[in-house]
Amino acid sequence: MKLYLTIIGICSLLISAVIYLVTEVDFFIVLGWTVLAVVIEILIDSLIATLARLLPKKWARHDAKVFTVSAKEKKFYEKLKIRKWKDSVPEIGHFTGFRKNKIVDPKSVEYLDRFLLEACYGEIGHFFILFFGFAVLLLYPISKVWIAISIPVAIVNIFLNLPSLFILRYNSYKLEILRKNLIKKSGEKEKTSKNV
């Protein structure tokens, strides 16, 4: 979380400095507007994440085509060296009561189903945050300075949410394989016990 807060702080200062140099509006006014834009962005993200989590479970089915991750997509994530940096990205599943940064019960299909459900909710939330983050433009009296501040804030928001979306999809691919193997093994055990 420190990394994200550091990125947000540095980007806020950079945005403020550039806007100050271009517009000659007082730096502290620009900085205040930038902080306001960041706070509004965080509230928008929180609202979207909450709304995504309230969707019916049938809309977040891990076997739906939209949540299916291909081997090609998985290779894309591996080219990004996702394994090296994915643990640095904050996971805030404790707000929903289900953490997704560690598999607690890898031998339970029910647990993996819940994990995949939560991952799908996360994907939905992060995907819509990428677009609705630009709503920050509309939540303050429109001016050239506000537009110049809010567009970079929305873009930084995209770059802060994309890694989480990538991690969820990358992990889902592996979880699906683990789940299928568990189901296959349990089916083999049932056949063996019936034959005895």
N, C-alpha and C. Protein backbone atom coordinates (compact mmCIF):
# COMPACT_ATOMS: atom_id res chain seq x y z
N MET A 1 0.82 -1.18 0.00
CA MET A 1 0.00 0.00 0.00
C MET A 1 0.87 1.26 0.00
N LYS A 2 2.05 1.17 0.65
CA LYS A 2 2.95 2.31 0.68
C LYS A 2 3.37 2.72 -0.72
N LEU A 3 3.61 1.71 -1.56
CA LEU A 3 4.02 1.98 -2.94
C LEU A 3 2.93 2.77 -3.67
N TYR A 4 1.69 2.36 -3.52
CA TYR A 4 0.57 3.04 -4.19
C TYR A 4 0.42 4.47 -3.68
N LEU A 5 0.52 4.63 -2.38
CA LEU A 5 0.39 5.97 -1.80
C LEU A 5 1.55 6.87 -2.26
N THR A 6 2.73 6.28 -2.38
CA THR A 6 3.88 7.04 -2.87
C THR A 6 3.66 7.47 -4.31
N ILE A 7 3.18 6.54 -5.14
CA ILE A 7 2.91 6.86 -6.55
C ILE A 7 1.85 7.97 -6.65
N ILE A 8 0.80 7.84 -5.87
CA ILE A 8 -0.27 8.85 -5.88
C ILE A 8 0.29 10.20 -5.45
N GLY A 9 1.09 10.22 -4.41
CA GLY A 9 1.68 11.47 -3.92
C GLY A 9 2.60 12.12 -4.94
N ILE A 10 3.49 11.33 -5.52
CA ILE A 10 4.43 11.86 -6.52
C ILE A 10 3.67 12.37 -7.75
N CYS A 11 2.71 11.59 -8.23
CA CYS A 11 1.93 12.01 -9.40
C CYS A 11 1.14 13.28 -9.10
N SER A 12 0.59 13.38 -7.89
CA SER A 12 -0.16 14.59 -7.52
C SER A 12 0.74 15.82 -7.54
N LEU A 13 1.94 15.68 -7.01
CA LEU A 13 2.88 16.80 -7.03
C LEU A 13 3.31 17.17 -8.45
N LEU A 14 3.56 16.13 -9.27
CA LEU A 14 3.96 16.40 -10.67
C LEU A 14 2.84 17.08 -11.44
N ILE A 15 1.64 16.58 -11.30
CA ILE A 15 0.48 17.18 -11.98
C ILE A 15 0.33 18.64 -11.53
N SER A 16 0.41 18.85 -10.23
CA SER A 16 0.27 20.21 -9.70
C SER A 16 1.36 21.13 -10.23
N ALA A 17 2.59 20.65 -10.26
CA ALA A 17 3.71 21.47 -10.72
C ALA A 17 3.55 21.85 -12.19
N VAL A 18 3.16 20.87 -13.02
CA VAL A 18 2.99 21.15 -14.45
C VAL A 18 1.85 22.14 -14.67
N ILE A 19 0.73 21.93 -13.99
CA ILE A 19 -0.42 22.84 -14.15
C ILE A 19 -0.04 24.24 -13.66
N TYR A 20 0.69 24.32 -12.57
CA TYR A 20 1.14 25.61 -12.05
C TYR A 20 2.01 26.34 -13.07
N LEU A 21 2.95 25.61 -13.67
CA LEU A 21 3.85 26.23 -14.65
C LEU A 21 3.12 26.69 -15.91
N VAL A 22 2.11 25.93 -16.31
CA VAL A 22 1.39 26.24 -17.55
C VAL A 22 0.35 27.35 -17.33
N THR A 23 -0.32 27.33 -16.19
CA THR A 23 -1.44 28.27 -15.98
C THR A 23 -1.10 29.47 -15.11
N GLU A 24 -0.07 29.35 -14.33
CA GLU A 24 0.34 30.39 -13.37
C GLU A 24 -0.70 30.64 -12.28
N VAL A 25 -1.59 29.65 -12.07
CA VAL A 25 -2.50 29.71 -10.92
C VAL A 25 -1.65 29.36 -9.70
N ASP A 26 -1.95 29.93 -8.56
CA ASP A 26 -1.18 29.69 -7.35
C ASP A 26 -0.96 28.19 -7.12
N PHE A 27 0.28 27.80 -6.81
CA PHE A 27 0.64 26.38 -6.67
C PHE A 27 -0.22 25.68 -5.64
N PHE A 28 -0.46 26.32 -4.49
CA PHE A 28 -1.22 25.65 -3.43
C PHE A 28 -2.70 25.48 -3.79
N ILE A 29 -3.22 26.36 -4.61
CA ILE A 29 -4.59 26.19 -5.11
C ILE A 29 -4.63 24.99 -6.06
N VAL A 30 -3.65 24.93 -6.95
CA VAL A 30 -3.57 23.80 -7.88
C VAL A 30 -3.37 22.50 -7.12
N LEU A 31 -2.50 22.51 -6.13
CA LEU A 31 -2.26 21.31 -5.31
C LEU A 31 -3.55 20.91 -4.59
N GLY A 32 -4.28 21.87 -4.06
CA GLY A 32 -5.55 21.58 -3.40
C GLY A 32 -6.56 20.95 -4.35
N TRP A 33 -6.65 21.49 -5.56
CA TRP A 33 -7.56 20.92 -6.56
C TRP A 33 -7.12 19.51 -6.95
N THR A 34 -5.81 19.30 -7.03
CA THR A 34 -5.30 17.97 -7.37
C THR A 34 -5.64 16.97 -6.28
N VAL A 35 -5.44 17.36 -5.04
CA VAL A 35 -5.80 16.47 -3.91
C VAL A 35 -7.30 16.19 -3.93
N LEU A 36 -8.10 17.22 -4.21
CA LEU A 36 -9.55 17.03 -4.32
C LEU A 36 -9.89 16.03 -5.43
N ALA A 37 -9.23 16.15 -6.58
CA ALA A 37 -9.46 15.22 -7.69
C ALA A 37 -9.08 13.79 -7.30
N VAL A 38 -7.98 13.65 -6.57
CA VAL A 38 -7.55 12.31 -6.13
C VAL A 38 -8.57 11.72 -5.16
N VAL A 39 -9.04 12.52 -4.22
CA VAL A 39 -10.04 12.04 -3.25
C VAL A 39 -11.32 11.64 -3.97
N ILE A 40 -11.77 12.47 -4.92
CA ILE A 40 -12.97 12.13 -5.70
C ILE A 40 -12.74 10.83 -6.48
N GLU A 41 -11.56 10.68 -7.05
CA GLU A 41 -11.23 9.46 -7.81
C GLU A 41 -11.30 8.23 -6.91
N ILE A 42 -10.76 8.34 -5.72
CA ILE A 42 -10.80 7.21 -4.77
C ILE A 42 -12.25 6.89 -4.40
N LEU A 43 -13.07 7.90 -4.20
CA LEU A 43 -14.49 7.67 -3.89
C LEU A 43 -15.22 7.01 -5.06
N ILE A 44 -14.92 7.45 -6.29
CA ILE A 44 -15.52 6.82 -7.47
C ILE A 44 -15.12 5.35 -7.54
N ASP A 45 -13.82 5.08 -7.36
CA ASP A 45 -13.33 3.70 -7.39
C ASP A 45 -14.02 2.85 -6.33
N SER A 46 -14.16 3.40 -5.14
CA SER A 46 -14.80 2.66 -4.04
C SER A 46 -16.27 2.37 -4.35
N LEU A 47 -16.95 3.35 -4.92
CA LEU A 47 -18.36 3.17 -5.28
C LEU A 47 -18.49 2.08 -6.34
N ILE A 48 -17.66 2.11 -7.36
CA ILE A 48 -17.73 1.11 -8.43
C ILE A 48 -17.40 -0.27 -7.88
N ALA A 49 -16.38 -0.37 -7.04
CA ALA A 49 -16.03 -1.67 -6.45
C ALA A 49 -17.18 -2.22 -5.61
N THR A 50 -17.83 -1.34 -4.85
CA THR A 50 -18.97 -1.75 -4.03
C THR A 50 -20.14 -2.21 -4.90
N LEU A 51 -20.44 -1.45 -5.95
CA LEU A 51 -21.53 -1.82 -6.85
C LEU A 51 -21.24 -3.14 -7.56
N ALA A 52 -19.98 -3.33 -7.97
CA ALA A 52 -19.61 -4.60 -8.63
C ALA A 52 -19.83 -5.77 -7.68
N ARG A 53 -19.49 -5.58 -6.42
CA ARG A 53 -19.62 -6.65 -5.42
C ARG A 53 -21.08 -6.97 -5.13
N LEU A 54 -21.99 -6.03 -5.42
CA LEU A 54 -23.41 -6.25 -5.16
C LEU A 54 -24.12 -6.96 -6.32
N LEU A 55 -23.42 -7.16 -7.42
CA LEU A 55 -24.02 -7.84 -8.57
C LEU A 55 -24.40 -9.28 -8.20
N PRO A 56 -25.40 -9.83 -8.85
CA PRO A 56 -25.75 -11.23 -8.58
C PRO A 56 -24.60 -12.17 -8.93
N LYS A 57 -24.49 -13.26 -8.19
CA LYS A 57 -23.40 -14.21 -8.42
C LYS A 57 -23.40 -14.75 -9.84
N LYS A 58 -24.58 -14.86 -10.44
CA LYS A 58 -24.64 -15.41 -11.80
C LYS A 58 -23.92 -14.52 -12.81
N TRP A 59 -23.71 -13.25 -12.48
CA TRP A 59 -23.00 -12.33 -13.37
C TRP A 59 -21.49 -12.44 -13.20
N ALA A 60 -21.07 -13.16 -12.17
CA ALA A 60 -19.64 -13.30 -11.88
C ALA A 60 -19.23 -14.77 -11.88
N ARG A 61 -19.78 -15.52 -12.82
CA ARG A 61 -19.46 -16.95 -12.93
C ARG A 61 -18.11 -17.13 -13.60
N HIS A 62 -17.21 -17.84 -12.94
CA HIS A 62 -15.85 -18.00 -13.45
C HIS A 62 -15.79 -18.78 -14.76
N ASP A 63 -16.84 -19.52 -15.07
CA ASP A 63 -16.83 -20.29 -16.32
C ASP A 63 -17.42 -19.50 -17.49
N ALA A 64 -17.86 -18.27 -17.24
CA ALA A 64 -18.37 -17.42 -18.33
C ALA A 64 -17.21 -17.06 -19.26
N LYS A 65 -17.52 -16.92 -20.53
CA LYS A 65 -16.48 -16.67 -21.53
C LYS A 65 -15.64 -15.43 -21.22
N VAL A 66 -16.28 -14.38 -20.72
CA VAL A 66 -15.58 -13.12 -20.46
C VAL A 66 -14.50 -13.28 -19.38
N PHE A 67 -14.66 -14.25 -18.49
CA PHE A 67 -13.68 -14.47 -17.42
C PHE A 67 -12.67 -15.56 -17.77
N THR A 68 -12.85 -16.21 -18.90
CA THR A 68 -11.93 -17.26 -19.30
C THR A 68 -10.63 -16.66 -19.82
N VAL A 69 -9.53 -17.14 -19.29
CA VAL A 69 -8.21 -16.64 -19.67
C VAL A 69 -7.54 -17.69 -20.57
N SER A 70 -7.14 -17.25 -21.73
CA SER A 70 -6.49 -18.16 -22.68
C SER A 70 -5.01 -18.33 -22.33
N ALA A 71 -4.42 -19.37 -22.87
CA ALA A 71 -2.98 -19.58 -22.68
C ALA A 71 -2.19 -18.42 -23.28
N LYS A 72 -2.69 -17.87 -24.37
CA LYS A 72 -2.03 -16.73 -25.01
C LYS A 72 -2.03 -15.50 -24.08
N GLU A 73 -3.17 -15.27 -23.45
CA GLU A 73 -3.27 -14.14 -22.52
C GLU A 73 -2.34 -14.37 -21.33
N LYS A 74 -2.27 -15.60 -20.84
CA LYS A 74 -1.39 -15.94 -19.72
C LYS A 74 0.06 -15.66 -20.11
N LYS A 75 0.45 -15.99 -21.34
CA LYS A 75 1.82 -15.73 -21.80
C LYS A 75 2.10 -14.23 -21.83
N PHE A 76 1.09 -13.43 -22.19
CA PHE A 76 1.25 -11.98 -22.17
C PHE A 76 1.61 -11.51 -20.77
N TYR A 77 0.91 -12.03 -19.76
CA TYR A 77 1.19 -11.65 -18.38
C TYR A 77 2.59 -12.11 -17.96
N GLU A 78 2.98 -13.27 -18.43
CA GLU A 78 4.33 -13.76 -18.10
C GLU A 78 5.40 -12.90 -18.76
N LYS A 79 5.12 -12.38 -19.96
CA LYS A 79 6.07 -11.46 -20.60
C LYS A 79 6.22 -10.18 -19.79
N LEU A 80 5.17 -9.81 -19.09
CA LEU A 80 5.23 -8.63 -18.22
C LEU A 80 5.96 -8.94 -16.91
N LYS A 81 6.41 -10.19 -16.76
CA LYS A 81 7.11 -10.65 -15.54
C LYS A 81 6.24 -10.45 -14.30
N ILE A 82 4.97 -10.81 -14.45
CA ILE A 82 3.98 -10.58 -13.40
C ILE A 82 4.34 -11.27 -12.09
N ARG A 83 4.98 -12.43 -12.16
CA ARG A 83 5.33 -13.16 -10.93
C ARG A 83 6.28 -12.36 -10.04
N LYS A 84 7.12 -11.56 -10.66
CA LYS A 84 8.11 -10.79 -9.90
C LYS A 84 7.49 -9.63 -9.13
N TRP A 85 6.44 -9.01 -9.67
CA TRP A 85 5.92 -7.81 -9.03
C TRP A 85 4.51 -7.93 -8.48
N LYS A 86 3.83 -9.05 -8.74
CA LYS A 86 2.42 -9.13 -8.33
C LYS A 86 2.21 -9.04 -6.82
N ASP A 87 3.17 -9.49 -6.04
CA ASP A 87 3.00 -9.43 -4.59
C ASP A 87 3.22 -8.01 -4.03
N SER A 88 3.71 -7.11 -4.87
CA SER A 88 3.91 -5.71 -4.45
C SER A 88 2.63 -4.88 -4.59
N VAL A 89 1.67 -5.41 -5.33
CA VAL A 89 0.42 -4.69 -5.56
C VAL A 89 -0.52 -4.97 -4.38
N PRO A 90 -1.06 -3.91 -3.76
CA PRO A 90 -1.92 -4.14 -2.60
C PRO A 90 -3.19 -4.90 -2.95
N GLU A 91 -3.57 -5.79 -2.06
CA GLU A 91 -4.80 -6.57 -2.22
C GLU A 91 -5.70 -6.17 -1.05
N ILE A 92 -6.86 -5.63 -1.36
CA ILE A 92 -7.72 -5.11 -0.29
C ILE A 92 -8.98 -5.96 -0.12
N GLY A 93 -8.82 -7.27 -0.26
CA GLY A 93 -9.94 -8.18 -0.11
C GLY A 93 -10.51 -8.19 1.29
N HIS A 94 -9.76 -7.70 2.27
CA HIS A 94 -10.29 -7.68 3.63
C HIS A 94 -11.53 -6.80 3.75
N PHE A 95 -11.74 -5.89 2.79
CA PHE A 95 -12.95 -5.08 2.80
C PHE A 95 -14.18 -5.90 2.42
N THR A 96 -13.97 -6.98 1.66
CA THR A 96 -15.09 -7.83 1.26
C THR A 96 -15.14 -9.12 2.09
N GLY A 97 -14.19 -9.29 2.98
CA GLY A 97 -14.17 -10.48 3.82
C GLY A 97 -13.50 -11.67 3.17
N PHE A 98 -12.82 -11.46 2.04
CA PHE A 98 -12.15 -12.59 1.38
C PHE A 98 -10.86 -12.08 0.75
N ARG A 99 -9.75 -12.51 1.29
CA ARG A 99 -8.45 -12.09 0.78
C ARG A 99 -8.06 -12.98 -0.40
N LYS A 100 -7.47 -12.35 -1.41
CA LYS A 100 -7.09 -13.08 -2.62
C LYS A 100 -5.58 -13.07 -2.87
N ASN A 101 -4.80 -12.75 -1.85
CA ASN A 101 -3.36 -12.72 -2.04
C ASN A 101 -2.69 -14.05 -1.70
N LYS A 102 -3.45 -14.99 -1.15
CA LYS A 102 -2.89 -16.30 -0.81
C LYS A 102 -4.00 -17.34 -0.83
N ILE A 103 -3.70 -18.50 -1.40
CA ILE A 103 -4.68 -19.60 -1.41
C ILE A 103 -4.57 -20.32 -0.07
N VAL A 104 -5.62 -20.26 0.71
CA VAL A 104 -5.62 -20.83 2.05
C VAL A 104 -5.92 -22.33 2.03
N ASP A 105 -6.84 -22.76 1.16
CA ASP A 105 -7.26 -24.16 1.14
C ASP A 105 -7.24 -24.68 -0.30
N PRO A 106 -6.05 -25.01 -0.82
CA PRO A 106 -5.94 -25.41 -2.23
C PRO A 106 -6.54 -26.78 -2.55
N LYS A 107 -7.00 -27.51 -1.55
CA LYS A 107 -7.56 -28.85 -1.79
C LYS A 107 -9.08 -28.88 -1.69
N SER A 108 -9.69 -27.69 -1.63
CA SER A 108 -11.15 -27.60 -1.52
C SER A 108 -11.72 -26.94 -2.76
N VAL A 109 -12.56 -27.67 -3.48
CA VAL A 109 -13.21 -27.12 -4.67
C VAL A 109 -14.14 -25.96 -4.27
N GLU A 110 -14.83 -26.11 -3.12
CA GLU A 110 -15.72 -25.05 -2.66
C GLU A 110 -14.94 -23.76 -2.40
N TYR A 111 -13.79 -23.89 -1.76
CA TYR A 111 -12.96 -22.72 -1.50
C TYR A 111 -12.48 -22.09 -2.81
N LEU A 112 -12.04 -22.91 -3.75
CA LEU A 112 -11.58 -22.38 -5.05
C LEU A 112 -12.72 -21.72 -5.81
N ASP A 113 -13.92 -22.28 -5.70
CA ASP A 113 -15.09 -21.64 -6.33
C ASP A 113 -15.33 -20.26 -5.73
N ARG A 114 -15.22 -20.15 -4.42
CA ARG A 114 -15.39 -18.83 -3.77
C ARG A 114 -14.28 -17.88 -4.20
N PHE A 115 -13.05 -18.39 -4.26
CA PHE A 115 -11.91 -17.57 -4.67
C PHE A 115 -12.13 -17.04 -6.09
N LEU A 116 -12.58 -17.92 -6.99
CA LEU A 116 -12.82 -17.52 -8.38
C LEU A 116 -13.98 -16.53 -8.47
N LEU A 117 -15.01 -16.72 -7.66
CA LEU A 117 -16.13 -15.77 -7.62
C LEU A 117 -15.63 -14.38 -7.22
N GLU A 118 -14.82 -14.34 -6.16
CA GLU A 118 -14.30 -13.05 -5.68
C GLU A 118 -13.37 -12.44 -6.72
N ALA A 119 -12.60 -13.27 -7.41
CA ALA A 119 -11.72 -12.77 -8.47
C ALA A 119 -12.55 -12.17 -9.61
N CYS A 120 -13.66 -12.81 -9.94
CA CYS A 120 -14.53 -12.27 -11.00
C CYS A 120 -15.13 -10.93 -10.59
N TYR A 121 -15.58 -10.83 -9.33
CA TYR A 121 -16.08 -9.55 -8.84
C TYR A 121 -14.98 -8.48 -8.94
N GLY A 122 -13.76 -8.87 -8.57
CA GLY A 122 -12.63 -7.95 -8.67
C GLY A 122 -12.37 -7.51 -10.10
N GLU A 123 -12.43 -8.46 -11.03
CA GLU A 123 -12.24 -8.12 -12.45
C GLU A 123 -13.29 -7.13 -12.93
N ILE A 124 -14.53 -7.38 -12.57
CA ILE A 124 -15.61 -6.48 -12.98
C ILE A 124 -15.34 -5.08 -12.44
N GLY A 125 -15.02 -5.01 -11.15
CA GLY A 125 -14.78 -3.71 -10.52
C GLY A 125 -13.62 -2.97 -11.18
N HIS A 126 -12.48 -3.63 -11.31
CA HIS A 126 -11.31 -2.97 -11.89
C HIS A 126 -11.54 -2.58 -13.35
N PHE A 127 -12.25 -3.42 -14.09
CA PHE A 127 -12.52 -3.10 -15.50
C PHE A 127 -13.34 -1.81 -15.62
N PHE A 128 -14.41 -1.71 -14.84
CA PHE A 128 -15.26 -0.53 -14.93
C PHE A 128 -14.60 0.71 -14.34
N ILE A 129 -13.73 0.52 -13.36
CA ILE A 129 -12.98 1.64 -12.80
C ILE A 129 -12.12 2.30 -13.86
N LEU A 130 -11.58 1.51 -14.78
CA LEU A 130 -10.73 2.06 -15.84
C LEU A 130 -11.46 3.14 -16.63
N PHE A 131 -12.76 2.94 -16.85
CA PHE A 131 -13.54 3.88 -17.65
C PHE A 131 -14.24 4.94 -16.81
N PHE A 132 -14.88 4.49 -15.73
CA PHE A 132 -15.65 5.43 -14.91
C PHE A 132 -14.77 6.35 -14.09
N GLY A 133 -13.48 6.08 -14.06
CA GLY A 133 -12.56 6.99 -13.38
C GLY A 133 -12.56 8.37 -14.01
N PHE A 134 -12.94 8.44 -15.28
CA PHE A 134 -13.01 9.74 -15.96
C PHE A 134 -14.22 10.56 -15.52
N ALA A 135 -15.09 9.98 -14.70
CA ALA A 135 -16.23 10.73 -14.16
C ALA A 135 -15.75 11.87 -13.26
N VAL A 136 -14.51 11.80 -12.82
CA VAL A 136 -13.94 12.88 -12.01
C VAL A 136 -14.02 14.22 -12.76
N LEU A 137 -14.04 14.17 -14.08
CA LEU A 137 -14.17 15.38 -14.89
C LEU A 137 -15.49 16.11 -14.64
N LEU A 138 -16.50 15.34 -14.32
CA LEU A 138 -17.85 15.89 -14.21
C LEU A 138 -18.25 16.30 -12.79
N LEU A 139 -17.40 16.01 -11.84
CA LEU A 139 -17.80 16.20 -10.44
C LEU A 139 -17.22 17.46 -9.80
N TYR A 140 -16.95 18.45 -10.61
CA TYR A 140 -16.46 19.73 -10.12
C TYR A 140 -16.78 20.75 -11.19
N PRO A 141 -16.98 22.01 -10.82
CA PRO A 141 -17.26 23.00 -11.87
C PRO A 141 -16.20 22.96 -12.98
N ILE A 142 -16.66 22.74 -14.19
CA ILE A 142 -15.75 22.58 -15.33
C ILE A 142 -14.98 23.87 -15.58
N SER A 143 -13.67 23.70 -15.64
CA SER A 143 -12.78 24.80 -16.01
C SER A 143 -11.57 24.19 -16.68
N LYS A 144 -10.79 24.99 -17.36
CA LYS A 144 -9.60 24.47 -18.03
C LYS A 144 -8.64 23.86 -17.03
N VAL A 145 -8.51 24.50 -15.88
CA VAL A 145 -7.59 23.99 -14.86
C VAL A 145 -8.09 22.65 -14.33
N TRP A 146 -9.40 22.55 -14.04
CA TRP A 146 -9.96 21.29 -13.53
C TRP A 146 -9.78 20.16 -14.54
N ILE A 147 -10.03 20.45 -15.80
CA ILE A 147 -9.85 19.43 -16.85
C ILE A 147 -8.38 19.03 -16.92
N ALA A 148 -7.48 20.00 -16.86
CA ALA A 148 -6.05 19.73 -16.93
C ALA A 148 -5.57 18.90 -15.73
N ILE A 149 -6.24 19.01 -14.61
CA ILE A 149 -5.89 18.22 -13.43
C ILE A 149 -6.56 16.85 -13.47
N SER A 150 -7.85 16.81 -13.77
CA SER A 150 -8.60 15.57 -13.63
C SER A 150 -8.27 14.52 -14.69
N ILE A 151 -7.91 14.95 -15.89
CA ILE A 151 -7.54 13.95 -16.91
C ILE A 151 -6.28 13.19 -16.51
N PRO A 152 -5.20 13.86 -16.09
CA PRO A 152 -4.03 13.09 -15.63
C PRO A 152 -4.33 12.22 -14.41
N VAL A 153 -5.19 12.71 -13.50
CA VAL A 153 -5.55 11.91 -12.33
C VAL A 153 -6.27 10.63 -12.78
N ALA A 154 -7.19 10.76 -13.75
CA ALA A 154 -7.91 9.58 -14.26
C ALA A 154 -6.95 8.62 -14.97
N ILE A 155 -5.97 9.16 -15.67
CA ILE A 155 -4.99 8.31 -16.37
C ILE A 155 -4.11 7.56 -15.37
N VAL A 156 -3.66 8.26 -14.33
CA VAL A 156 -2.88 7.59 -13.28
C VAL A 156 -3.73 6.49 -12.65
N ASN A 157 -5.01 6.75 -12.45
CA ASN A 157 -5.93 5.76 -11.90
C ASN A 157 -5.97 4.49 -12.76
N ILE A 158 -5.95 4.68 -14.08
CA ILE A 158 -5.92 3.53 -14.99
C ILE A 158 -4.67 2.70 -14.73
N PHE A 159 -3.53 3.37 -14.66
CA PHE A 159 -2.27 2.65 -14.47
C PHE A 159 -2.13 2.02 -13.09
N LEU A 160 -2.89 2.50 -12.13
CA LEU A 160 -2.89 1.87 -10.81
C LEU A 160 -3.86 0.69 -10.73
N ASN A 161 -4.87 0.67 -11.60
CA ASN A 161 -5.85 -0.43 -11.58
C ASN A 161 -5.52 -1.56 -12.55
N LEU A 162 -4.84 -1.25 -13.63
CA LEU A 162 -4.50 -2.30 -14.61
C LEU A 162 -3.71 -3.46 -14.00
N PRO A 163 -2.68 -3.19 -13.19
CA PRO A 163 -1.95 -4.33 -12.61
C PRO A 163 -2.85 -5.26 -11.80
N SER A 164 -3.78 -4.70 -11.05
CA SER A 164 -4.69 -5.54 -10.26
C SER A 164 -5.56 -6.41 -11.16
N LEU A 165 -6.04 -5.84 -12.25
CA LEU A 165 -6.85 -6.59 -13.21
C LEU A 165 -6.01 -7.71 -13.83
N PHE A 166 -4.78 -7.39 -14.21
CA PHE A 166 -3.88 -8.40 -14.79
C PHE A 166 -3.61 -9.53 -13.80
N ILE A 167 -3.36 -9.18 -12.55
CA ILE A 167 -3.07 -10.20 -11.52
C ILE A 167 -4.27 -11.11 -11.31
N LEU A 168 -5.46 -10.54 -11.24
CA LEU A 168 -6.66 -11.36 -11.06
C LEU A 168 -6.82 -12.34 -12.20
N ARG A 169 -6.63 -11.89 -13.41
CA ARG A 169 -6.79 -12.77 -14.57
C ARG A 169 -5.68 -13.82 -14.63
N TYR A 170 -4.48 -13.43 -14.33
CA TYR A 170 -3.35 -14.37 -14.32
C TYR A 170 -3.57 -15.46 -13.28
N ASN A 171 -3.99 -15.07 -12.08
CA ASN A 171 -4.23 -16.05 -11.03
C ASN A 171 -5.44 -16.94 -11.35
N SER A 172 -6.45 -16.38 -12.01
CA SER A 172 -7.64 -17.16 -12.36
C SER A 172 -7.29 -18.32 -13.27
N TYR A 173 -6.38 -18.08 -14.19
CA TYR A 173 -5.94 -19.15 -15.11
C TYR A 173 -5.41 -20.33 -14.31
N LYS A 174 -4.55 -20.06 -13.36
CA LYS A 174 -3.96 -21.12 -12.54
C LYS A 174 -5.00 -21.78 -11.63
N LEU A 175 -5.90 -20.96 -11.08
CA LEU A 175 -6.93 -21.51 -10.20
C LEU A 175 -7.88 -22.44 -10.94
N GLU A 176 -8.19 -22.10 -12.18
CA GLU A 176 -9.06 -22.97 -12.99
C GLU A 176 -8.40 -24.33 -13.21
N ILE A 177 -7.11 -24.33 -13.49
CA ILE A 177 -6.39 -25.60 -13.68
C ILE A 177 -6.38 -26.40 -12.38
N LEU A 178 -6.08 -25.75 -11.27
CA LEU A 178 -6.09 -26.42 -9.98
C LEU A 178 -7.46 -26.99 -9.67
N ARG A 179 -8.50 -26.24 -9.93
CA ARG A 179 -9.88 -26.67 -9.69
C ARG A 179 -10.23 -27.91 -10.53
N LYS A 180 -9.90 -27.84 -11.83
CA LYS A 180 -10.18 -28.98 -12.72
C LYS A 180 -9.44 -30.23 -12.27
N ASN A 181 -8.20 -30.09 -11.84
CA ASN A 181 -7.42 -31.24 -11.35
C ASN A 181 -8.03 -31.82 -10.09
N LEU A 182 -8.50 -30.95 -9.19
CA LEU A 182 -9.15 -31.45 -7.97
C LEU A 182 -10.42 -32.22 -8.28
N ILE A 183 -11.22 -31.70 -9.20
CA ILE A 183 -12.47 -32.37 -9.58
C ILE A 183 -12.16 -33.71 -10.23
N LYS A 184 -11.15 -33.71 -11.09
CA LYS A 184 -10.75 -34.96 -11.75
C LYS A 184 -10.28 -35.99 -10.73
N LYS A 185 -9.47 -35.58 -9.77
CA LYS A 185 -8.98 -36.50 -8.73
C LYS A 185 -10.11 -37.03 -7.87
N SER A 186 -11.05 -36.14 -7.50
CA SER A 186 -12.16 -36.59 -6.66
C SER A 186 -13.05 -37.57 -7.43
N GLY A 187 -13.19 -37.37 -8.74
CA GLY A 187 -13.95 -38.31 -9.57
C GLY A 187 -13.26 -39.66 -9.65
N GLU A 188 -11.94 -39.65 -9.75
CA GLU A 188 -11.17 -40.90 -9.79
C GLU A 188 -11.27 -41.63 -8.45
N LYS A 189 -11.25 -40.89 -7.34
CA LYS A 189 -11.37 -41.50 -6.02
C LYS A 189 -12.74 -42.14 -5.85
N GLU A 190 -13.80 -41.47 -6.36
CA GLU A 190 -15.15 -42.03 -6.26
C GLU A 190 -15.25 -43.33 -7.04
N LYS A 191 -14.68 -43.35 -8.26
CA LYS A 191 -14.71 -44.58 -9.08
C LYS A 191 -13.96 -45.70 -8.38
N THR A 192 -12.81 -45.40 -7.78
CA THR A 192 -12.00 -46.40 -7.09
C THR A 192 -12.75 -46.96 -5.89
N SER A 193 -13.38 -46.06 -5.12
CA SER A 193 -14.08 -46.53 -3.90
C SER A 193 -15.33 -47.34 -4.27
N LYS A 194 -15.96 -47.06 -5.40
CA LYS A 194 -17.14 -47.82 -5.82
C LYS A 194 -16.75 -49.21 -6.33
N ASN A 195 -15.56 -49.33 -6.89
CA ASN A 195 -15.09 -50.62 -7.43
C ASN A 195 -14.61 -51.55 -6.33
N VAL A 196 -14.34 -51.04 -5.14
CA VAL A 196 -13.80 -51.88 -4.07
C VAL A 196 -14.87 -52.67 -3.41
